[in-house]
């Protein structure tokens, strides 16, 4: 499994977490509360989200590893769309599990 994590500084982390989860809940299996969430995109891909007072932490995972960059891009673009009033910085750090 390949994962990538981004810690996005924002005071609106819980709001964005819930918006992302609600947005995808009509197409995918989604579980969330104000502080944590998981979106299962299928085909071994999912995103885990957690909100603190100062940041939204995103962790995208791909069992095969070949779709990770696309998943990062999709999640980041949706977050930026919801957070259009902020200039969010989203830097991903990748890790490959053996």
PDB file of N, CA and C in Angstrom:
ATOM      1  N   UNK A   1       0.846  -1.184   0.000  1.00  0.00           N
ATOM      2  CA  UNK A   1       0.000   0.000   0.000  1.00  0.00           C
ATOM      3  C   UNK A   1       0.886   1.240   0.000  1.00  0.00           C
ATOM      4  N   UNK A   2       0.457   2.212  -0.764  1.00  0.00           N
ATOM      5  CA  UNK A   2       1.166   3.476  -0.831  1.00  0.00           C
ATOM      6  C   UNK A   2       0.269   4.554  -0.244  1.00  0.00           C
ATOM      7  N   UNK A   3       0.840   5.393   0.602  1.00  0.00           N
ATOM      8  CA  UNK A   3       0.069   6.473   1.210  1.00  0.00           C
ATOM      9  C   UNK A   3       0.789   7.795   1.014  1.00  0.00           C
ATOM     10  N   UNK A   4       0.012   8.842   1.143  1.00  0.00           N
ATOM     11  CA  UNK A   4       0.559  10.186   1.064  1.00  0.00           C
ATOM     12  C   UNK A   4      -0.227  11.044   2.047  1.00  0.00           C
ATOM     13  N   UNK A   5       0.479  11.882   2.782  1.00  0.00           N
ATOM     14  CA  UNK A   5      -0.144  12.676   3.833  1.00  0.00           C
ATOM     15  C   UNK A   5       0.138  14.155   3.627  1.00  0.00           C
ATOM     16  N   UNK A   6      -0.873  14.962   3.898  1.00  0.00           N
ATOM     17  CA  UNK A   6      -0.713  16.421   3.860  1.00  0.00           C
ATOM     18  C   UNK A   6      -1.347  17.004   5.119  1.00  0.00           C
ATOM     19  N   UNK A   7      -0.644  17.931   5.742  1.00  0.00           N
ATOM     20  CA  UNK A   7      -1.171  18.670   6.892  1.00  0.00           C
ATOM     21  C   UNK A   7      -1.407  20.096   6.412  1.00  0.00           C
ATOM     22  N   UNK A   8      -2.699  20.475   6.338  1.00  0.00           N
ATOM     23  CA  UNK A   8      -3.091  21.754   5.747  1.00  0.00           C
ATOM     24  C   UNK A   8      -3.510  22.712   6.861  1.00  0.00           C
ATOM     25  N   UNK A   9      -2.762  23.768   7.037  1.00  0.00           N
ATOM     26  CA  UNK A   9      -3.071  24.744   8.084  1.00  0.00           C
ATOM     27  C   UNK A   9      -4.350  25.507   7.727  1.00  0.00           C
ATOM     28  N   UNK A  10      -5.333  25.437   8.642  1.00  0.00           N
ATOM     29  CA  UNK A  10      -6.586  26.171   8.486  1.00  0.00           C
ATOM     30  C   UNK A  10      -7.346  26.145   9.806  1.00  0.00           C
ATOM     31  N   UNK A  11      -8.053  27.224  10.077  1.00  0.00           N
ATOM     32  CA  UNK A  11      -8.895  27.281  11.268  1.00  0.00           C
ATOM     33  C   UNK A  11     -10.265  26.665  11.000  1.00  0.00           C
ATOM     34  N   UNK A  12     -10.501  26.236   9.756  1.00  0.00           N
ATOM     35  CA  UNK A  12     -11.809  25.702   9.360  1.00  0.00           C
ATOM     36  C   UNK A  12     -11.728  24.222   8.995  1.00  0.00           C
ATOM     37  N   UNK A  13     -10.838  23.495   9.637  1.00  0.00           N
ATOM     38  CA  UNK A  13     -10.592  22.103   9.293  1.00  0.00           C
ATOM     39  C   UNK A  13     -11.845  21.239   9.401  1.00  0.00           C
ATOM     40  N   UNK A  14     -12.582  21.361  10.473  1.00  0.00           N
ATOM     41  CA  UNK A  14     -13.782  20.548  10.647  1.00  0.00           C
ATOM     42  C   UNK A  14     -14.812  20.834   9.555  1.00  0.00           C
ATOM     43  N   UNK A  15     -14.992  22.081   9.224  1.00  0.00           N
ATOM     44  CA  UNK A  15     -15.940  22.455   8.164  1.00  0.00           C
ATOM     45  C   UNK A  15     -15.552  21.802   6.838  1.00  0.00           C
ATOM     46  N   UNK A  16     -14.275  21.889   6.484  1.00  0.00           N
ATOM     47  CA  UNK A  16     -13.826  21.334   5.212  1.00  0.00           C
ATOM     48  C   UNK A  16     -13.899  19.804   5.214  1.00  0.00           C
ATOM     49  N   UNK A  17     -13.561  19.190   6.338  1.00  0.00           N
ATOM     50  CA  UNK A  17     -13.671  17.743   6.462  1.00  0.00           C
ATOM     51  C   UNK A  17     -15.102  17.310   6.175  1.00  0.00           C
ATOM     52  N   UNK A  18     -16.056  17.960   6.803  1.00  0.00           N
ATOM     53  CA  UNK A  18     -17.457  17.595   6.622  1.00  0.00           C
ATOM     54  C   UNK A  18     -17.944  17.875   5.196  1.00  0.00           C
ATOM     55  N   UNK A  19     -17.480  18.976   4.606  1.00  0.00           N
ATOM     56  CA  UNK A  19     -17.869  19.286   3.230  1.00  0.00           C
ATOM     57  C   UNK A  19     -17.347  18.229   2.262  1.00  0.00           C
ATOM     58  N   UNK A  20     -16.092  17.842   2.421  1.00  0.00           N
ATOM     59  CA  UNK A  20     -15.533  16.816   1.550  1.00  0.00           C
ATOM     60  C   UNK A  20     -16.295  15.500   1.692  1.00  0.00           C
ATOM     61  N   UNK A  21     -16.566  15.100   2.916  1.00  0.00           N
ATOM     62  CA  UNK A  21     -17.269  13.835   3.146  1.00  0.00           C
ATOM     63  C   UNK A  21     -18.698  13.878   2.603  1.00  0.00           C
ATOM     64  N   UNK A  22     -19.406  14.941   2.851  1.00  0.00           N
ATOM     65  CA  UNK A  22     -20.769  15.055   2.330  1.00  0.00           C
ATOM     66  C   UNK A  22     -20.781  15.076   0.807  1.00  0.00           C
ATOM     67  N   UNK A  23     -19.817  15.762   0.222  1.00  0.00           N
ATOM     68  CA  UNK A  23     -19.738  15.870  -1.235  1.00  0.00           C
ATOM     69  C   UNK A  23     -19.643  14.490  -1.886  1.00  0.00           C
ATOM     70  N   UNK A  24     -18.822  13.619  -1.327  1.00  0.00           N
ATOM     71  CA  UNK A  24     -18.611  12.309  -1.936  1.00  0.00           C
ATOM     72  C   UNK A  24     -19.555  11.232  -1.411  1.00  0.00           C
ATOM     73  N   UNK A  25     -20.379  11.545  -0.433  1.00  0.00           N
ATOM     74  CA  UNK A  25     -21.233  10.518   0.174  1.00  0.00           C
ATOM     75  C   UNK A  25     -22.298   9.972  -0.776  1.00  0.00           C
ATOM     76  N   UNK A  26     -22.618  10.704  -1.828  1.00  0.00           N
ATOM     77  CA  UNK A  26     -23.627  10.207  -2.772  1.00  0.00           C
ATOM     78  C   UNK A  26     -23.059   9.177  -3.744  1.00  0.00           C
ATOM     79  N   UNK A  27     -21.745   9.064  -3.837  1.00  0.00           N
ATOM     80  CA  UNK A  27     -21.120   8.116  -4.770  1.00  0.00           C
ATOM     81  C   UNK A  27     -20.307   7.023  -4.096  1.00  0.00           C
ATOM     82  N   UNK A  28     -19.801   7.305  -2.895  1.00  0.00           N
ATOM     83  CA  UNK A  28     -18.878   6.375  -2.255  1.00  0.00           C
ATOM     84  C   UNK A  28     -19.300   6.105  -0.809  1.00  0.00           C
ATOM     85  N   UNK A  29     -18.687   5.095  -0.216  1.00  0.00           N
ATOM     86  CA  UNK A  29     -18.919   4.796   1.194  1.00  0.00           C
ATOM     87  C   UNK A  29     -18.138   5.808   2.027  1.00  0.00           C
ATOM     88  N   UNK A  30     -18.863   6.534   2.874  1.00  0.00           N
ATOM     89  CA  UNK A  30     -18.264   7.613   3.658  1.00  0.00           C
ATOM     90  C   UNK A  30     -18.707   7.484   5.111  1.00  0.00           C
ATOM     91  N   UNK A  31     -17.757   7.656   6.008  1.00  0.00           N
ATOM     92  CA  UNK A  31     -18.035   7.727   7.447  1.00  0.00           C
ATOM     93  C   UNK A  31     -17.349   8.981   7.965  1.00  0.00           C
ATOM     94  N   UNK A  32     -18.085   9.754   8.791  1.00  0.00           N
ATOM     95  CA  UNK A  32     -17.435  10.954   9.338  1.00  0.00           C
ATOM     96  C   UNK A  32     -18.199  11.493  10.528  1.00  0.00           C
ATOM     97  N   UNK A  33     -17.465  12.277  11.307  1.00  0.00           N
ATOM     98  CA  UNK A  33     -18.015  13.103  12.371  1.00  0.00           C
ATOM     99  C   UNK A  33     -17.263  14.435  12.253  1.00  0.00           C
ATOM    100  N   UNK A  34     -17.467  15.387  13.145  1.00  0.00           N
ATOM    101  CA  UNK A  34     -16.788  16.679  12.976  1.00  0.00           C
ATOM    102  C   UNK A  34     -15.253  16.630  13.018  1.00  0.00           C
ATOM    103  N   UNK A  35     -14.686  15.542  13.566  1.00  0.00           N
ATOM    104  CA  UNK A  35     -13.231  15.506  13.734  1.00  0.00           C
ATOM    105  C   UNK A  35     -12.500  14.470  12.895  1.00  0.00           C
ATOM    106  N   UNK A  36     -13.189  13.458  12.402  1.00  0.00           N
ATOM    107  CA  UNK A  36     -12.539  12.418  11.599  1.00  0.00           C
ATOM    108  C   UNK A  36     -13.461  11.981  10.478  1.00  0.00           C
ATOM    109  N   UNK A  37     -12.848  11.463   9.436  1.00  0.00           N
ATOM    110  CA  UNK A  37     -13.646  10.959   8.332  1.00  0.00           C
ATOM    111  C   UNK A  37     -12.862   9.982   7.487  1.00  0.00           C
ATOM    112  N   UNK A  38     -13.606   9.174   6.725  1.00  0.00           N
ATOM    113  CA  UNK A  38     -12.992   8.239   5.773  1.00  0.00           C
ATOM    114  C   UNK A  38     -13.896   8.163   4.556  1.00  0.00           C
ATOM    115  N   UNK A  39     -13.273   8.297   3.399  1.00  0.00           N
ATOM    116  CA  UNK A  39     -13.968   8.175   2.126  1.00  0.00           C
ATOM    117  C   UNK A  39     -13.320   7.013   1.384  1.00  0.00           C
ATOM    118  N   UNK A  40     -14.108   5.975   1.111  1.00  0.00           N
ATOM    119  CA  UNK A  40     -13.621   4.807   0.381  1.00  0.00           C
ATOM    120  C   UNK A  40     -14.010   4.962  -1.084  1.00  0.00           C
ATOM    121  N   UNK A  41     -13.020   5.224  -1.927  1.00  0.00           N
ATOM    122  CA  UNK A  41     -13.271   5.456  -3.340  1.00  0.00           C
ATOM    123  C   UNK A  41     -13.397   4.163  -4.135  1.00  0.00           C
ATOM    124  N   UNK A  42     -13.117   3.040  -3.518  1.00  0.00           N
ATOM    125  CA  UNK A  42     -13.145   1.762  -4.223  1.00  0.00           C
ATOM    126  C   UNK A  42     -11.800   1.458  -4.843  1.00  0.00           C
ATOM    127  N   UNK A  43     -11.661   0.243  -5.351  1.00  0.00           N
ATOM    128  CA  UNK A  43     -10.414  -0.203  -5.988  1.00  0.00           C
ATOM    129  C   UNK A  43      -9.202   0.008  -5.093  1.00  0.00           C
ATOM    130  N   UNK A  44      -9.395  -0.139  -3.778  1.00  0.00           N
ATOM    131  CA  UNK A  44      -8.272  -0.021  -2.846  1.00  0.00           C
ATOM    132  C   UNK A  44      -7.814   1.389  -2.563  1.00  0.00           C
ATOM    133  N   UNK A  45      -8.622   2.379  -2.941  1.00  0.00           N
ATOM    134  CA  UNK A  45      -8.259   3.771  -2.687  1.00  0.00           C
ATOM    135  C   UNK A  45      -9.192   4.375  -1.644  1.00  0.00           C
ATOM    136  N   UNK A  46      -8.606   5.128  -0.717  1.00  0.00           N
ATOM    137  CA  UNK A  46      -9.416   5.837   0.279  1.00  0.00           C
ATOM    138  C   UNK A  46      -8.641   7.033   0.812  1.00  0.00           C
ATOM    139  N   UNK A  47      -9.381   7.912   1.462  1.00  0.00           N
ATOM    140  CA  UNK A  47      -8.755   9.056   2.122  1.00  0.00           C
ATOM    141  C   UNK A  47      -9.266   9.103   3.557  1.00  0.00           C
ATOM    142  N   UNK A  48      -8.347   9.277   4.485  1.00  0.00           N
ATOM    143  CA  UNK A  48      -8.668   9.475   5.894  1.00  0.00           C
ATOM    144  C   UNK A  48      -8.415  10.944   6.206  1.00  0.00           C
ATOM    145  N   UNK A  49      -9.342  11.536   6.946  1.00  0.00           N
ATOM    146  CA  UNK A  49      -9.248  12.957   7.283  1.00  0.00           C
ATOM    147  C   UNK A  49      -9.349  13.121   8.792  1.00  0.00           C
ATOM    148  N   UNK A  50      -8.617  14.090   9.323  1.00  0.00           N
ATOM    149  CA  UNK A  50      -8.763  14.439  10.736  1.00  0.00           C
ATOM    150  C   UNK A  50      -8.605  15.951  10.881  1.00  0.00           C
ATOM    151  N   UNK A  51      -9.419  16.506  11.753  1.00  0.00           N
ATOM    152  CA  UNK A  51      -9.442  17.953  11.946  1.00  0.00           C
ATOM    153  C   UNK A  51      -8.989  18.302  13.353  1.00  0.00           C
ATOM    154  N   UNK A  52      -8.132  19.316  13.432  1.00  0.00           N
ATOM    155  CA  UNK A  52      -7.765  19.916  14.708  1.00  0.00           C
ATOM    156  C   UNK A  52      -8.176  21.381  14.628  1.00  0.00           C
ATOM    157  N   UNK A  53      -7.914  22.132  15.670  1.00  0.00           N
ATOM    158  CA  UNK A  53      -8.243  23.556  15.647  1.00  0.00           C
ATOM    159  C   UNK A  53      -7.382  24.324  14.657  1.00  0.00           C
ATOM    160  N   UNK A  54      -6.228  23.768  14.307  1.00  0.00           N
ATOM    161  CA  UNK A  54      -5.283  24.504  13.463  1.00  0.00           C
ATOM    162  C   UNK A  54      -5.009  23.875  12.101  1.00  0.00           C
ATOM    163  N   UNK A  55      -5.489  22.643  11.867  1.00  0.00           N
ATOM    164  CA  UNK A  55      -5.127  21.987  10.605  1.00  0.00           C
ATOM    165  C   UNK A  55      -6.092  20.867  10.234  1.00  0.00           C
ATOM    166  N   UNK A  56      -6.126  20.598   8.940  1.00  0.00           N
ATOM    167  CA  UNK A  56      -6.807  19.433   8.393  1.00  0.00           C
ATOM    168  C   UNK A  56      -5.727  18.484   7.896  1.00  0.00           C
ATOM    169  N   UNK A  57      -5.750  17.266   8.400  1.00  0.00           N
ATOM    170  CA  UNK A  57      -4.770  16.263   7.979  1.00  0.00           C
ATOM    171  C   UNK A  57      -5.466  15.313   7.010  1.00  0.00           C
ATOM    172  N   UNK A  58      -4.865  15.159   5.839  1.00  0.00           N
ATOM    173  CA  UNK A  58      -5.392  14.286   4.792  1.00  0.00           C
ATOM    174  C   UNK A  58      -4.397  13.161   4.572  1.00  0.00           C
ATOM    175  N   UNK A  59      -4.878  11.927   4.516  1.00  0.00           N
ATOM    176  CA  UNK A  59      -4.012  10.803   4.183  1.00  0.00           C
ATOM    177  C   UNK A  59      -4.703   9.986   3.104  1.00  0.00           C
ATOM    178  N   UNK A  60      -4.151  10.013   1.902  1.00  0.00           N
ATOM    179  CA  UNK A  60      -4.696   9.233   0.803  1.00  0.00           C
ATOM    180  C   UNK A  60      -3.916   7.930   0.706  1.00  0.00           C
ATOM    181  N   UNK A  61      -4.627   6.848   0.388  1.00  0.00           N
ATOM    182  CA  UNK A  61      -4.009   5.530   0.292  1.00  0.00           C
ATOM    183  C   UNK A  61      -4.478   4.833  -0.971  1.00  0.00           C
ATOM    184  N   UNK A  62      -3.565   4.093  -1.560  1.00  0.00           N
ATOM    185  CA  UNK A  62      -3.854   3.337  -2.772  1.00  0.00           C
ATOM    186  C   UNK A  62      -3.151   1.992  -2.654  1.00  0.00           C
ATOM    187  N   UNK A  63      -3.929   0.906  -2.638  1.00  0.00           N
ATOM    188  CA  UNK A  63      -3.343  -0.428  -2.500  1.00  0.00           C
ATOM    189  C   UNK A  63      -2.350  -0.733  -3.614  1.00  0.00           C
ATOM    190  N   UNK A  64      -2.682  -0.355  -4.832  1.00  0.00           N
ATOM    191  CA  UNK A  64      -1.807  -0.645  -5.969  1.00  0.00           C
ATOM    192  C   UNK A  64      -0.692   0.378  -6.098  1.00  0.00           C
ATOM    193  N   UNK A  65      -0.946   1.613  -5.681  1.00  0.00           N
ATOM    194  CA  UNK A  65       0.067   2.657  -5.736  1.00  0.00           C
ATOM    195  C   UNK A  65       0.116   3.419  -7.037  1.00  0.00           C
ATOM    196  N   UNK A  66      -0.555   2.928  -8.074  1.00  0.00           N
ATOM    197  CA  UNK A  66      -0.448   3.581  -9.373  1.00  0.00           C
ATOM    198  C   UNK A  66      -1.411   4.747  -9.561  1.00  0.00           C
ATOM    199  N   UNK A  67      -2.387   4.903  -8.659  1.00  0.00           N
ATOM    200  CA  UNK A  67      -3.337   5.998  -8.780  1.00  0.00           C
ATOM    201  C   UNK A  67      -3.207   7.043  -7.690  1.00  0.00           C
ATOM    202  N   UNK A  68      -2.134   6.974  -6.925  1.00  0.00           N
ATOM    203  CA  UNK A  68      -1.986   7.852  -5.768  1.00  0.00           C
ATOM    204  C   UNK A  68      -1.900   9.327  -6.159  1.00  0.00           C
ATOM    205  N   UNK A  69      -1.126   9.645  -7.159  1.00  0.00           N
ATOM    206  CA  UNK A  69      -0.972  11.053  -7.544  1.00  0.00           C
ATOM    207  C   UNK A  69      -2.289  11.643  -8.038  1.00  0.00           C
ATOM    208  N   UNK A  70      -3.040  10.857  -8.779  1.00  0.00           N
ATOM    209  CA  UNK A  70      -4.341  11.337  -9.259  1.00  0.00           C
ATOM    210  C   UNK A  70      -5.283  11.574  -8.079  1.00  0.00           C
ATOM    211  N   UNK A  71      -5.279  10.648  -7.114  1.00  0.00           N
ATOM    212  CA  UNK A  71      -6.128  10.796  -5.935  1.00  0.00           C
ATOM    213  C   UNK A  71      -5.726  12.036  -5.133  1.00  0.00           C
ATOM    214  N   UNK A  72      -4.432  12.263  -4.965  1.00  0.00           N
ATOM    215  CA  UNK A  72      -3.957  13.477  -4.291  1.00  0.00           C
ATOM    216  C   UNK A  72      -4.515  14.714  -4.984  1.00  0.00           C
ATOM    217  N   UNK A  73      -4.412  14.726  -6.303  1.00  0.00           N
ATOM    218  CA  UNK A  73      -4.862  15.871  -7.092  1.00  0.00           C
ATOM    219  C   UNK A  73      -6.359  16.103  -6.941  1.00  0.00           C
ATOM    220  N   UNK A  74      -7.150  15.049  -7.001  1.00  0.00           N
ATOM    221  CA  UNK A  74      -8.605  15.169  -6.881  1.00  0.00           C
ATOM    222  C   UNK A  74      -8.987  15.717  -5.509  1.00  0.00           C
ATOM    223  N   UNK A  75      -8.404  15.157  -4.462  1.00  0.00           N
ATOM    224  CA  UNK A  75      -8.718  15.599  -3.100  1.00  0.00           C
ATOM    225  C   UNK A  75      -8.291  17.056  -2.914  1.00  0.00           C
ATOM    226  N   UNK A  76      -7.093  17.410  -3.365  1.00  0.00           N
ATOM    227  CA  UNK A  76      -6.591  18.777  -3.210  1.00  0.00           C
ATOM    228  C   UNK A  76      -7.462  19.776  -3.960  1.00  0.00           C
ATOM    229  N   UNK A  77      -7.844  19.457  -5.173  1.00  0.00           N
ATOM    230  CA  UNK A  77      -8.671  20.381  -5.961  1.00  0.00           C
ATOM    231  C   UNK A  77     -10.041  20.593  -5.328  1.00  0.00           C
ATOM    232  N   UNK A  78     -10.631  19.538  -4.800  1.00  0.00           N
ATOM    233  CA  UNK A  78     -11.921  19.692  -4.126  1.00  0.00           C
ATOM    234  C   UNK A  78     -11.773  20.538  -2.865  1.00  0.00           C
ATOM    235  N   UNK A  79     -10.729  20.287  -2.085  1.00  0.00           N
ATOM    236  CA  UNK A  79     -10.504  21.079  -0.878  1.00  0.00           C
ATOM    237  C   UNK A  79     -10.319  22.544  -1.235  1.00  0.00           C
ATOM    238  N   UNK A  80      -9.524  22.829  -2.245  1.00  0.00           N
ATOM    239  CA  UNK A  80      -9.297  24.217  -2.644  1.00  0.00           C
ATOM    240  C   UNK A  80     -10.583  24.878  -3.127  1.00  0.00           C
ATOM    241  N   UNK A  81     -11.429  24.123  -3.780  1.00  0.00           N
ATOM    242  CA  UNK A  81     -12.709  24.667  -4.220  1.00  0.00           C
ATOM    243  C   UNK A  81     -13.586  25.051  -3.025  1.00  0.00           C
ATOM    244  N   UNK A  82     -13.627  24.192  -2.006  1.00  0.00           N
ATOM    245  CA  UNK A  82     -14.435  24.490  -0.820  1.00  0.00           C
ATOM    246  C   UNK A  82     -13.830  25.625   0.005  1.00  0.00           C
ATOM    247  N   UNK A  83     -12.531  25.774  -0.050  1.00  0.00           N
ATOM    248  CA  UNK A  83     -11.821  26.777   0.754  1.00  0.00           C
ATOM    249  C   UNK A  83     -11.390  27.960  -0.093  1.00  0.00           C
ATOM    250  N   UNK A  84     -12.226  28.370  -1.023  1.00  0.00           N
ATOM    251  CA  UNK A  84     -11.843  29.415  -1.980  1.00  0.00           C
ATOM    252  C   UNK A  84     -11.501  30.742  -1.316  1.00  0.00           C
ATOM    253  N   UNK A  85     -11.932  30.947  -0.081  1.00  0.00           N
ATOM    254  CA  UNK A  85     -11.611  32.206   0.618  1.00  0.00           C
ATOM    255  C   UNK A  85     -10.218  32.178   1.256  1.00  0.00           C
ATOM    256  N   UNK A  86      -9.595  31.002   1.264  1.00  0.00           N
ATOM    257  CA  UNK A  86      -8.271  30.850   1.868  1.00  0.00           C
ATOM    258  C   UNK A  86      -7.269  30.440   0.793  1.00  0.00           C
ATOM    259  N   UNK A  87      -6.034  30.774   1.033  1.00  0.00           N
ATOM    260  CA  UNK A  87      -4.954  30.336   0.158  1.00  0.00           C
ATOM    261  C   UNK A  87      -4.250  29.171   0.851  1.00  0.00           C
ATOM    262  N   UNK A  88      -4.820  27.969   0.695  1.00  0.00           N
ATOM    263  CA  UNK A  88      -4.298  26.804   1.389  1.00  0.00           C
ATOM    264  C   UNK A  88      -3.026  26.282   0.723  1.00  0.00           C
ATOM    265  N   UNK A  89      -2.124  25.797   1.544  1.00  0.00           N
ATOM    266  CA  UNK A  89      -0.906  25.165   1.057  1.00  0.00           C
ATOM    267  C   UNK A  89      -1.028  23.674   1.337  1.00  0.00           C
ATOM    268  N   UNK A  90      -1.001  22.894   0.249  1.00  0.00           N
ATOM    269  CA  UNK A  90      -1.174  21.447   0.363  1.00  0.00           C
ATOM    270  C   UNK A  90       0.086  20.784  -0.187  1.00  0.00           C
ATOM    271  N   UNK A  91       0.920  20.276   0.703  1.00  0.00           N
ATOM    272  CA  UNK A  91       2.147  19.567   0.321  1.00  0.00           C
ATOM    273  C   UNK A  91       2.026  18.129   0.778  1.00  0.00           C
ATOM    274  N   UNK A  92       2.160  17.205  -0.159  1.00  0.00           N
ATOM    275  CA  UNK A  92       2.025  15.777   0.128  1.00  0.00           C
ATOM    276  C   UNK A  92       3.375  15.158   0.433  1.00  0.00           C
ATOM    277  N   UNK A  93       3.389  14.245   1.405  1.00  0.00           N
ATOM    278  CA  UNK A  93       4.558  13.455   1.730  1.00  0.00           C
ATOM    279  C   UNK A  93       4.186  11.988   1.520  1.00  0.00           C
ATOM    280  N   UNK A  94       4.886  11.335   0.608  1.00  0.00           N
ATOM    281  CA  UNK A  94       4.568   9.966   0.210  1.00  0.00           C
ATOM    282  C   UNK A  94       5.343   8.949   1.022  1.00  0.00           C
ATOM    283  N   UNK A  95       4.697   7.807   1.293  1.00  0.00           N
ATOM    284  CA  UNK A  95       5.380   6.700   1.939  1.00  0.00           C
ATOM    285  C   UNK A  95       4.889   5.392   1.307  1.00  0.00           C
ATOM    286  N   UNK A  96       5.811   4.498   1.047  1.00  0.00           N
ATOM    287  CA  UNK A  96       5.496   3.204   0.458  1.00  0.00           C
ATOM    288  C   UNK A  96       5.678   2.136   1.511  1.00  0.00           C
ATOM    289  N   UNK A  97       4.630   1.361   1.757  1.00  0.00           N
ATOM    290  CA  UNK A  97       4.717   0.245   2.694  1.00  0.00           C
ATOM    291  C   UNK A  97       5.192  -0.996   1.944  1.00  0.00           C
ATOM    292  N   UNK A  98       6.018  -1.749   2.592  1.00  0.00           N
ATOM    293  CA  UNK A  98       6.529  -2.966   1.950  1.00  0.00           C
ATOM    294  C   UNK A  98       5.558  -4.102   2.096  1.00  0.00           C
TER     295      UNK A  98
END
